[in-house]
Amino acid sequence: MSALLGAGGGFLLAVLWMDLLFDVQVLRHRGSAVLPEDVLASIAAYYRRVTTNARPLGHLVALTMVVTTVAAAVALFRGGAPLWMRAASLVLVAAPAGLAARRIVPDAIRLGARGDTPEVQSALARAICRGHLLCLASIAAFIVLQIATASR
């Protein structure tokens, strides 16, 4: 079980890293309400590729989130680590999966479509970046717990 959890966490961390390679472009433009067109175009093109054009491969990320979350839930009831570690692991993987499903992916699809005003697209890009930074911290903590659990 710990190998599955570690592999799932590692895969999700790698996906977040790739997303953040594009997302961080918004950080250079904190003072402006609207991001420059080249920044919006770059981020939107990336999200169009990974959310719309990459089907069905894009579903692999969602499947990994589900499998890793279910495995963490099973480990909660069957694992040998202390209860607090098992519960924290479940929260640390389920929270970003839920955030991705409810906010980040829909926002990324919408940004990739480029149908909104530059102001709305800028807000979407910033929200996606913030969400991904939160997810990165959570998944990194999840992996640390998996390593700690495996070394017990």
N, C-alpha and C. Protein backbone atom coordinates (compact mmCIF):
# COMPACT_ATOMS: atom_id res chain seq x y z
N MET A 1 0.83 -1.20 0.00
CA MET A 1 0.00 0.00 0.00
C MET A 1 0.87 1.26 0.00
N SER A 2 1.95 1.24 0.77
CA SER A 2 2.79 2.45 0.84
C SER A 2 3.46 2.75 -0.50
N ALA A 3 3.77 1.71 -1.27
CA ALA A 3 4.36 1.93 -2.60
C ALA A 3 3.35 2.62 -3.52
N LEU A 4 2.10 2.19 -3.45
CA LEU A 4 1.05 2.81 -4.26
C LEU A 4 0.85 4.26 -3.85
N LEU A 5 0.82 4.52 -2.56
CA LEU A 5 0.64 5.89 -2.08
C LEU A 5 1.83 6.77 -2.47
N GLY A 6 3.03 6.24 -2.34
CA GLY A 6 4.21 7.01 -2.72
C GLY A 6 4.26 7.28 -4.21
N ALA A 7 3.93 6.27 -5.00
CA ALA A 7 3.94 6.45 -6.46
C ALA A 7 2.86 7.45 -6.89
N GLY A 8 1.68 7.34 -6.31
CA GLY A 8 0.61 8.28 -6.64
C GLY A 8 0.98 9.70 -6.26
N GLY A 9 1.53 9.87 -5.06
CA GLY A 9 1.96 11.19 -4.62
C GLY A 9 3.06 11.75 -5.50
N GLY A 10 4.01 10.91 -5.87
CA GLY A 10 5.11 11.34 -6.74
C GLY A 10 4.62 11.78 -8.10
N PHE A 11 3.69 11.02 -8.66
CA PHE A 11 3.13 11.37 -9.97
C PHE A 11 2.39 12.71 -9.88
N LEU A 12 1.58 12.88 -8.84
CA LEU A 12 0.83 14.13 -8.69
C LEU A 12 1.76 15.31 -8.47
N LEU A 13 2.84 15.11 -7.73
CA LEU A 13 3.82 16.18 -7.53
C LEU A 13 4.47 16.56 -8.86
N ALA A 14 4.77 15.58 -9.68
CA ALA A 14 5.37 15.87 -11.00
C ALA A 14 4.40 16.65 -11.89
N VAL A 15 3.14 16.28 -11.86
CA VAL A 15 2.13 17.00 -12.66
C VAL A 15 2.02 18.44 -12.17
N LEU A 16 1.99 18.63 -10.86
CA LEU A 16 1.91 19.98 -10.31
C LEU A 16 3.13 20.81 -10.72
N TRP A 17 4.29 20.19 -10.71
CA TRP A 17 5.51 20.90 -11.12
C TRP A 17 5.37 21.38 -12.56
N MET A 18 4.90 20.51 -13.43
CA MET A 18 4.73 20.90 -14.84
C MET A 18 3.73 22.05 -14.97
N ASP A 19 2.61 21.95 -14.26
CA ASP A 19 1.62 23.03 -14.31
C ASP A 19 2.21 24.35 -13.81
N LEU A 20 2.97 24.26 -12.72
CA LEU A 20 3.53 25.48 -12.14
C LEU A 20 4.59 26.12 -13.03
N LEU A 21 5.20 25.35 -13.92
CA LEU A 21 6.15 25.94 -14.86
C LEU A 21 5.47 27.03 -15.69
N PHE A 22 4.19 26.87 -15.95
CA PHE A 22 3.43 27.88 -16.69
C PHE A 22 2.75 28.86 -15.75
N ASP A 23 2.20 28.37 -14.64
CA ASP A 23 1.47 29.22 -13.70
C ASP A 23 2.30 30.36 -13.14
N VAL A 24 3.58 30.11 -12.87
CA VAL A 24 4.39 31.11 -12.19
C VAL A 24 4.58 32.39 -13.00
N GLN A 25 4.21 32.36 -14.25
CA GLN A 25 4.30 33.58 -15.06
C GLN A 25 3.45 34.70 -14.47
N VAL A 26 2.37 34.35 -13.76
CA VAL A 26 1.50 35.37 -13.18
C VAL A 26 2.17 36.10 -12.03
N LEU A 27 3.14 35.48 -11.39
CA LEU A 27 3.77 36.07 -10.21
C LEU A 27 4.60 37.31 -10.55
N ARG A 28 5.06 37.41 -11.77
CA ARG A 28 5.85 38.58 -12.18
C ARG A 28 4.98 39.82 -12.41
N HIS A 29 3.67 39.63 -12.41
CA HIS A 29 2.76 40.73 -12.74
C HIS A 29 1.75 40.96 -11.63
N ARG A 30 2.22 40.96 -10.40
CA ARG A 30 1.33 41.10 -9.25
C ARG A 30 0.60 42.43 -9.20
N GLY A 31 1.21 43.49 -9.66
CA GLY A 31 0.62 44.81 -9.55
C GLY A 31 -0.42 45.14 -10.60
N SER A 32 -0.48 44.37 -11.66
CA SER A 32 -1.40 44.71 -12.74
C SER A 32 -2.66 43.85 -12.68
N ALA A 33 -3.79 44.48 -12.98
CA ALA A 33 -5.06 43.77 -12.96
C ALA A 33 -5.18 42.77 -14.10
N VAL A 34 -4.60 43.15 -15.25
CA VAL A 34 -4.67 42.30 -16.44
C VAL A 34 -3.27 41.84 -16.80
N LEU A 35 -3.13 40.54 -17.00
CA LEU A 35 -1.85 39.99 -17.40
C LEU A 35 -1.56 40.34 -18.86
N PRO A 36 -0.30 40.48 -19.22
CA PRO A 36 0.04 40.73 -20.62
C PRO A 36 -0.48 39.60 -21.52
N GLU A 37 -0.78 39.94 -22.75
CA GLU A 37 -1.35 38.96 -23.68
C GLU A 37 -0.44 37.76 -23.88
N ASP A 38 0.87 37.98 -23.97
CA ASP A 38 1.77 36.85 -24.18
C ASP A 38 1.75 35.87 -23.00
N VAL A 39 1.57 36.38 -21.80
CA VAL A 39 1.46 35.51 -20.61
C VAL A 39 0.16 34.74 -20.65
N LEU A 40 -0.94 35.44 -20.92
CA LEU A 40 -2.24 34.76 -21.02
C LEU A 40 -2.23 33.70 -22.12
N ALA A 41 -1.65 34.05 -23.26
CA ALA A 41 -1.61 33.11 -24.38
C ALA A 41 -0.81 31.87 -24.03
N SER A 42 0.31 32.05 -23.35
CA SER A 42 1.16 30.92 -22.98
C SER A 42 0.45 29.99 -22.00
N ILE A 43 -0.12 30.56 -20.95
CA ILE A 43 -0.80 29.75 -19.94
C ILE A 43 -2.04 29.09 -20.53
N ALA A 44 -2.82 29.85 -21.28
CA ALA A 44 -4.05 29.31 -21.87
C ALA A 44 -3.75 28.19 -22.86
N ALA A 45 -2.72 28.37 -23.67
CA ALA A 45 -2.37 27.31 -24.64
C ALA A 45 -1.97 26.03 -23.92
N TYR A 46 -1.21 26.17 -22.83
CA TYR A 46 -0.83 24.98 -22.06
C TYR A 46 -2.07 24.27 -21.52
N TYR A 47 -2.97 25.02 -20.91
CA TYR A 47 -4.15 24.38 -20.34
C TYR A 47 -5.11 23.84 -21.39
N ARG A 48 -5.15 24.44 -22.56
CA ARG A 48 -5.95 23.87 -23.65
C ARG A 48 -5.37 22.52 -24.05
N ARG A 49 -4.04 22.44 -24.13
CA ARG A 49 -3.40 21.16 -24.48
C ARG A 49 -3.66 20.09 -23.43
N VAL A 50 -3.46 20.42 -22.16
CA VAL A 50 -3.53 19.37 -21.14
C VAL A 50 -4.94 19.04 -20.67
N THR A 51 -5.89 19.94 -20.86
CA THR A 51 -7.26 19.64 -20.40
C THR A 51 -8.19 19.21 -21.52
N THR A 52 -7.96 19.71 -22.71
CA THR A 52 -8.89 19.46 -23.81
C THR A 52 -8.26 18.59 -24.89
N ASN A 53 -7.11 18.97 -25.37
CA ASN A 53 -6.50 18.27 -26.50
C ASN A 53 -5.83 16.96 -26.11
N ALA A 54 -5.55 16.75 -24.85
CA ALA A 54 -4.81 15.55 -24.43
C ALA A 54 -5.73 14.39 -24.04
N ARG A 55 -7.02 14.50 -24.31
CA ARG A 55 -7.93 13.40 -23.97
C ARG A 55 -7.64 12.19 -24.82
N PRO A 56 -7.65 10.99 -24.31
CA PRO A 56 -8.00 10.58 -22.96
C PRO A 56 -6.82 10.57 -21.99
N LEU A 57 -5.61 10.88 -22.44
CA LEU A 57 -4.47 10.84 -21.53
C LEU A 57 -4.62 11.79 -20.36
N GLY A 58 -5.29 12.89 -20.56
CA GLY A 58 -5.52 13.84 -19.48
C GLY A 58 -6.28 13.24 -18.31
N HIS A 59 -7.03 12.20 -18.58
CA HIS A 59 -7.80 11.56 -17.52
C HIS A 59 -6.92 10.74 -16.58
N LEU A 60 -5.68 10.48 -16.99
CA LEU A 60 -4.76 9.74 -16.14
C LEU A 60 -4.50 10.47 -14.83
N VAL A 61 -4.43 11.78 -14.87
CA VAL A 61 -4.22 12.58 -13.66
C VAL A 61 -5.41 12.40 -12.72
N ALA A 62 -6.61 12.50 -13.26
CA ALA A 62 -7.81 12.32 -12.43
C ALA A 62 -7.86 10.92 -11.84
N LEU A 63 -7.54 9.93 -12.65
CA LEU A 63 -7.52 8.55 -12.16
C LEU A 63 -6.50 8.39 -11.04
N THR A 64 -5.33 8.98 -11.20
CA THR A 64 -4.30 8.90 -10.16
C THR A 64 -4.77 9.57 -8.87
N MET A 65 -5.45 10.70 -8.99
CA MET A 65 -5.99 11.35 -7.79
C MET A 65 -6.99 10.45 -7.08
N VAL A 66 -7.88 9.84 -7.85
CA VAL A 66 -8.90 8.97 -7.25
C VAL A 66 -8.25 7.74 -6.61
N VAL A 67 -7.37 7.08 -7.33
CA VAL A 67 -6.72 5.87 -6.81
C VAL A 67 -5.91 6.18 -5.56
N THR A 68 -5.16 7.27 -5.58
CA THR A 68 -4.34 7.63 -4.43
C THR A 68 -5.21 8.01 -3.24
N THR A 69 -6.30 8.72 -3.47
CA THR A 69 -7.21 9.08 -2.38
C THR A 69 -7.89 7.85 -1.80
N VAL A 70 -8.34 6.96 -2.66
CA VAL A 70 -8.98 5.71 -2.17
C VAL A 70 -7.96 4.88 -1.40
N ALA A 71 -6.74 4.79 -1.91
CA ALA A 71 -5.70 4.03 -1.21
C ALA A 71 -5.41 4.64 0.16
N ALA A 72 -5.40 5.95 0.26
CA ALA A 72 -5.19 6.61 1.55
C ALA A 72 -6.35 6.34 2.50
N ALA A 73 -7.57 6.28 1.95
CA ALA A 73 -8.74 5.96 2.78
C ALA A 73 -8.67 4.52 3.28
N VAL A 74 -8.26 3.61 2.42
CA VAL A 74 -8.10 2.21 2.83
C VAL A 74 -7.01 2.11 3.89
N ALA A 75 -5.91 2.81 3.69
CA ALA A 75 -4.81 2.79 4.65
C ALA A 75 -5.24 3.35 6.00
N LEU A 76 -6.18 4.28 6.00
CA LEU A 76 -6.69 4.83 7.25
C LEU A 76 -7.23 3.73 8.14
N PHE A 77 -7.91 2.76 7.54
CA PHE A 77 -8.53 1.69 8.30
C PHE A 77 -7.68 0.44 8.42
N ARG A 78 -6.67 0.31 7.57
CA ARG A 78 -5.89 -0.92 7.55
C ARG A 78 -4.40 -0.71 7.78
N GLY A 79 -3.96 0.50 7.84
CA GLY A 79 -2.53 0.78 7.92
C GLY A 79 -1.94 0.52 9.30
N GLY A 80 -0.62 0.43 9.33
CA GLY A 80 0.08 0.17 10.58
C GLY A 80 0.68 1.40 11.21
N ALA A 81 0.66 2.51 10.51
CA ALA A 81 1.21 3.76 11.04
C ALA A 81 0.25 4.32 12.09
N PRO A 82 0.73 5.26 12.90
CA PRO A 82 -0.17 5.89 13.87
C PRO A 82 -1.39 6.51 13.18
N LEU A 83 -2.49 6.52 13.87
CA LEU A 83 -3.74 7.02 13.31
C LEU A 83 -3.61 8.45 12.80
N TRP A 84 -2.90 9.29 13.53
CA TRP A 84 -2.79 10.69 13.10
C TRP A 84 -2.09 10.80 11.75
N MET A 85 -1.10 9.93 11.50
CA MET A 85 -0.39 9.96 10.22
C MET A 85 -1.29 9.49 9.09
N ARG A 86 -2.07 8.45 9.36
CA ARG A 86 -2.97 7.93 8.33
C ARG A 86 -4.07 8.94 8.03
N ALA A 87 -4.61 9.58 9.06
CA ALA A 87 -5.68 10.58 8.85
C ALA A 87 -5.12 11.81 8.13
N ALA A 88 -3.94 12.25 8.55
CA ALA A 88 -3.33 13.41 7.88
C ALA A 88 -3.04 13.10 6.42
N SER A 89 -2.58 11.89 6.13
CA SER A 89 -2.30 11.50 4.75
C SER A 89 -3.55 11.59 3.90
N LEU A 90 -4.66 11.10 4.44
CA LEU A 90 -5.91 11.16 3.69
C LEU A 90 -6.31 12.61 3.41
N VAL A 91 -6.23 13.45 4.41
CA VAL A 91 -6.60 14.86 4.22
C VAL A 91 -5.66 15.54 3.23
N LEU A 92 -4.36 15.25 3.34
CA LEU A 92 -3.37 15.91 2.48
C LEU A 92 -3.48 15.51 1.01
N VAL A 93 -4.07 14.35 0.71
CA VAL A 93 -4.25 13.98 -0.69
C VAL A 93 -5.68 14.27 -1.16
N ALA A 94 -6.65 14.14 -0.27
CA ALA A 94 -8.05 14.36 -0.66
C ALA A 94 -8.35 15.85 -0.88
N ALA A 95 -7.77 16.72 -0.07
CA ALA A 95 -8.04 18.16 -0.21
C ALA A 95 -7.60 18.70 -1.56
N PRO A 96 -6.35 18.43 -2.01
CA PRO A 96 -5.99 18.94 -3.34
C PRO A 96 -6.76 18.26 -4.47
N ALA A 97 -7.10 16.99 -4.30
CA ALA A 97 -7.90 16.32 -5.33
C ALA A 97 -9.27 16.99 -5.44
N GLY A 98 -9.86 17.30 -4.30
CA GLY A 98 -11.15 17.99 -4.32
C GLY A 98 -11.06 19.38 -4.90
N LEU A 99 -10.00 20.11 -4.54
CA LEU A 99 -9.80 21.46 -5.08
C LEU A 99 -9.62 21.40 -6.60
N ALA A 100 -8.85 20.42 -7.05
CA ALA A 100 -8.63 20.27 -8.50
C ALA A 100 -9.94 19.98 -9.22
N ALA A 101 -10.72 19.08 -8.67
CA ALA A 101 -11.98 18.68 -9.32
C ALA A 101 -13.00 19.81 -9.34
N ARG A 102 -13.08 20.53 -8.25
CA ARG A 102 -14.13 21.56 -8.14
C ARG A 102 -13.74 22.91 -8.73
N ARG A 103 -12.45 23.27 -8.66
CA ARG A 103 -12.07 24.61 -9.07
C ARG A 103 -10.99 24.66 -10.16
N ILE A 104 -9.88 23.99 -9.91
CA ILE A 104 -8.72 24.18 -10.78
C ILE A 104 -8.98 23.67 -12.19
N VAL A 105 -9.46 22.45 -12.33
CA VAL A 105 -9.68 21.90 -13.68
C VAL A 105 -10.76 22.68 -14.43
N PRO A 106 -11.91 22.97 -13.82
CA PRO A 106 -12.88 23.80 -14.56
C PRO A 106 -12.33 25.16 -14.95
N ASP A 107 -11.56 25.79 -14.05
CA ASP A 107 -10.96 27.08 -14.38
C ASP A 107 -9.94 26.94 -15.52
N ALA A 108 -9.16 25.85 -15.50
CA ALA A 108 -8.16 25.63 -16.55
C ALA A 108 -8.83 25.39 -17.91
N ILE A 109 -9.91 24.65 -17.92
CA ILE A 109 -10.65 24.42 -19.16
C ILE A 109 -11.19 25.75 -19.70
N ARG A 110 -11.75 26.53 -18.80
CA ARG A 110 -12.32 27.82 -19.19
C ARG A 110 -11.22 28.76 -19.70
N LEU A 111 -10.07 28.79 -19.02
CA LEU A 111 -8.97 29.63 -19.47
C LEU A 111 -8.45 29.15 -20.82
N GLY A 112 -8.34 27.84 -21.00
CA GLY A 112 -7.86 27.28 -22.26
C GLY A 112 -8.76 27.62 -23.44
N ALA A 113 -10.05 27.80 -23.18
CA ALA A 113 -10.99 28.15 -24.24
C ALA A 113 -10.84 29.61 -24.69
N ARG A 114 -10.30 30.45 -23.82
CA ARG A 114 -10.05 31.86 -24.12
C ARG A 114 -11.30 32.63 -24.55
N GLY A 115 -12.43 32.28 -23.99
CA GLY A 115 -13.67 32.94 -24.36
C GLY A 115 -14.03 34.14 -23.50
N ASP A 116 -13.26 34.36 -22.44
CA ASP A 116 -13.57 35.45 -21.51
C ASP A 116 -12.73 36.69 -21.81
N THR A 117 -13.07 37.76 -21.14
CA THR A 117 -12.30 39.00 -21.27
C THR A 117 -10.90 38.79 -20.68
N PRO A 118 -9.95 39.62 -21.06
CA PRO A 118 -8.61 39.50 -20.48
C PRO A 118 -8.61 39.63 -18.94
N GLU A 119 -9.52 40.43 -18.40
CA GLU A 119 -9.62 40.57 -16.95
C GLU A 119 -10.02 39.24 -16.29
N VAL A 120 -11.01 38.59 -16.86
CA VAL A 120 -11.48 37.31 -16.32
C VAL A 120 -10.40 36.24 -16.53
N GLN A 121 -9.78 36.20 -17.71
CA GLN A 121 -8.71 35.24 -17.96
C GLN A 121 -7.56 35.44 -16.97
N SER A 122 -7.23 36.68 -16.66
CA SER A 122 -6.17 36.97 -15.70
C SER A 122 -6.55 36.46 -14.31
N ALA A 123 -7.79 36.68 -13.93
CA ALA A 123 -8.26 36.19 -12.62
C ALA A 123 -8.22 34.66 -12.58
N LEU A 124 -8.61 34.02 -13.68
CA LEU A 124 -8.56 32.55 -13.74
C LEU A 124 -7.12 32.06 -13.61
N ALA A 125 -6.21 32.69 -14.35
CA ALA A 125 -4.80 32.27 -14.30
C ALA A 125 -4.23 32.43 -12.90
N ARG A 126 -4.58 33.51 -12.24
CA ARG A 126 -4.09 33.73 -10.87
C ARG A 126 -4.71 32.72 -9.90
N ALA A 127 -5.98 32.43 -10.05
CA ALA A 127 -6.64 31.45 -9.18
C ALA A 127 -6.05 30.05 -9.37
N ILE A 128 -5.77 29.70 -10.61
CA ILE A 128 -5.16 28.40 -10.90
C ILE A 128 -3.78 28.32 -10.24
N CYS A 129 -2.99 29.37 -10.36
CA CYS A 129 -1.66 29.38 -9.75
C CYS A 129 -1.75 29.24 -8.24
N ARG A 130 -2.62 30.01 -7.60
CA ARG A 130 -2.79 29.89 -6.14
C ARG A 130 -3.21 28.48 -5.75
N GLY A 131 -4.16 27.93 -6.48
CA GLY A 131 -4.62 26.57 -6.20
C GLY A 131 -3.51 25.55 -6.34
N HIS A 132 -2.72 25.69 -7.39
CA HIS A 132 -1.62 24.76 -7.60
C HIS A 132 -0.54 24.89 -6.53
N LEU A 133 -0.28 26.10 -6.06
CA LEU A 133 0.69 26.28 -4.98
C LEU A 133 0.21 25.61 -3.70
N LEU A 134 -1.07 25.74 -3.40
CA LEU A 134 -1.64 25.05 -2.23
C LEU A 134 -1.56 23.54 -2.40
N CYS A 135 -1.88 23.06 -3.59
CA CYS A 135 -1.82 21.62 -3.87
C CYS A 135 -0.39 21.11 -3.76
N LEU A 136 0.57 21.88 -4.25
CA LEU A 136 1.97 21.49 -4.17
C LEU A 136 2.40 21.30 -2.72
N ALA A 137 2.05 22.24 -1.86
CA ALA A 137 2.40 22.13 -0.44
C ALA A 137 1.75 20.90 0.18
N SER A 138 0.50 20.66 -0.14
CA SER A 138 -0.23 19.54 0.43
C SER A 138 0.33 18.20 -0.05
N ILE A 139 0.57 18.07 -1.34
CA ILE A 139 1.09 16.81 -1.88
C ILE A 139 2.52 16.57 -1.40
N ALA A 140 3.32 17.62 -1.28
CA ALA A 140 4.68 17.47 -0.75
C ALA A 140 4.63 16.96 0.69
N ALA A 141 3.72 17.52 1.50
CA ALA A 141 3.56 17.04 2.88
C ALA A 141 3.06 15.60 2.90
N PHE A 142 2.18 15.26 1.98
CA PHE A 142 1.69 13.88 1.85
C PHE A 142 2.85 12.93 1.58
N ILE A 143 3.74 13.30 0.67
CA ILE A 143 4.88 12.45 0.34
C ILE A 143 5.81 12.31 1.55
N VAL A 144 6.03 13.40 2.27
CA VAL A 144 6.86 13.33 3.48
C VAL A 144 6.26 12.33 4.47
N LEU A 145 4.96 12.37 4.64
CA LEU A 145 4.31 11.41 5.54
C LEU A 145 4.44 9.98 5.03
N GLN A 146 4.37 9.79 3.71
CA GLN A 146 4.53 8.44 3.17
C GLN A 146 5.94 7.92 3.41
N ILE A 147 6.92 8.78 3.27
CA ILE A 147 8.31 8.39 3.53
C ILE A 147 8.48 8.06 5.01
N ALA A 148 7.91 8.91 5.88
CA ALA A 148 8.01 8.66 7.31
C ALA A 148 7.31 7.35 7.69
N THR A 149 6.18 7.10 7.08
CA THR A 149 5.44 5.86 7.35
C THR A 149 6.23 4.64 6.88
N ALA A 150 6.82 4.73 5.72
CA ALA A 150 7.58 3.59 5.17
C ALA A 150 8.84 3.31 5.97
N SER A 151 9.40 4.34 6.59
CA SER A 151 10.65 4.14 7.33
C SER A 151 10.41 3.66 8.77
N ARG A 152 9.17 3.48 9.16
CA ARG A 152 8.86 3.01 10.52
C ARG A 152 9.07 1.54 10.65
